[in-house]
Amino acid sequence: MLRVDPAQRARLIEIIRSLAERIAEAKLNGWLGEEEGLRVSLEAARNKLTAMERTRNQSTTRIADLGVPQIRKP
């Protein structure tokens, strides 16, 4: 899965806003197919923004439990 660069967050928000405006225009003009396509793109952009926020909020360091080593005699 490709991850969006966190520095591009503002651009992604602008894309979401633009898509919402284009959906309103398509609805006004009766372009049903165009409206549906834009809704799919809007949902994908919102999902990317949500994933970006989730990734940003997660800790970058994690502890992995490797268990206690066991010494086995040959």
Protein backbone atom coordinates (compact mmCIF):
# COMPACT_ATOMS: atom_id res chain seq x y z
CA MET A 1 0.00 0.00 0.00
CA LEU A 2 1.32 3.42 -0.90
CA ARG A 3 1.47 5.94 1.89
CA VAL A 4 0.86 9.61 1.41
CA ASP A 5 3.66 11.93 2.46
CA PRO A 6 2.51 13.71 5.65
CA ALA A 7 3.87 16.96 4.21
CA GLN A 8 1.14 16.71 1.54
CA ARG A 9 -1.71 16.77 4.08
CA ALA A 10 -2.78 20.33 3.16
CA ARG A 11 -2.83 19.40 -0.51
CA LEU A 12 -4.99 16.35 0.18
CA ILE A 13 -7.46 18.51 2.13
CA GLU A 14 -7.59 20.91 -0.83
CA ILE A 15 -8.28 17.97 -3.18
CA ILE A 16 -11.14 16.83 -0.94
CA ARG A 17 -12.63 20.32 -0.95
CA SER A 18 -12.31 20.56 -4.73
CA LEU A 19 -13.97 17.17 -5.22
CA ALA A 20 -16.89 18.27 -3.05
CA GLU A 21 -17.32 21.40 -5.19
CA ARG A 22 -17.16 19.35 -8.41
CA ILE A 23 -19.79 16.95 -7.05
CA ALA A 24 -22.12 19.89 -6.37
CA GLU A 25 -21.54 21.17 -9.91
CA ALA A 26 -22.19 17.74 -11.44
CA LYS A 27 -25.38 17.39 -9.41
CA LEU A 28 -26.55 20.84 -10.48
CA ASN A 29 -25.99 19.99 -14.15
CA GLY A 30 -27.53 16.50 -13.91
CA TRP A 31 -24.30 14.67 -14.74
CA LEU A 32 -25.15 11.53 -12.77
CA GLY A 33 -22.25 9.41 -14.03
CA GLU A 34 -19.74 12.16 -13.35
CA GLU A 35 -21.22 12.71 -9.91
CA GLU A 36 -20.87 9.04 -9.01
CA GLY A 37 -17.25 8.91 -10.22
CA LEU A 38 -16.38 11.97 -8.19
CA ARG A 39 -18.04 10.46 -5.11
CA VAL A 40 -15.80 7.39 -5.44
CA SER A 41 -12.74 9.64 -5.69
CA LEU A 42 -13.90 11.70 -2.71
CA GLU A 43 -14.35 8.58 -0.58
CA ALA A 44 -10.85 7.36 -1.53
CA ALA A 45 -9.32 10.75 -0.68
CA ARG A 46 -11.09 10.81 2.68
CA ASN A 47 -9.85 7.30 3.42
CA LYS A 48 -6.28 8.38 2.63
CA LEU A 49 -6.62 11.36 4.97
CA THR A 50 -7.97 9.08 7.73
CA ALA A 51 -5.10 6.64 7.20
CA MET A 52 -2.62 9.51 7.30
CA GLU A 53 -4.07 10.75 10.59
CA ARG A 54 -4.02 7.25 12.05
CA THR A 55 -0.38 6.74 11.04
CA ARG A 56 0.59 10.14 12.45
CA ASN A 57 -1.01 9.30 15.79
CA GLN A 58 0.69 5.93 16.14
CA SER A 59 3.94 5.62 18.00
CA THR A 60 6.97 5.05 15.80
CA THR A 61 8.74 2.90 18.36
CA ARG A 62 7.37 -0.42 19.45
CA ILE A 63 8.63 -3.12 21.74
CA ALA A 64 8.63 -6.63 20.37
CA ASP A 65 8.35 -9.44 22.90
CA LEU A 66 10.79 -12.10 21.73
CA GLY A 67 10.24 -14.31 24.74
CA VAL A 68 12.83 -15.80 27.05
CA PRO A 69 15.65 -17.64 25.29
CA GLN A 70 15.85 -21.33 26.06
CA ILE A 71 19.12 -23.18 26.04
CA ARG A 72 18.81 -26.66 24.65
CA LYS A 73 21.39 -29.35 25.31
CA PRO A 74 22.47 -31.35 22.23
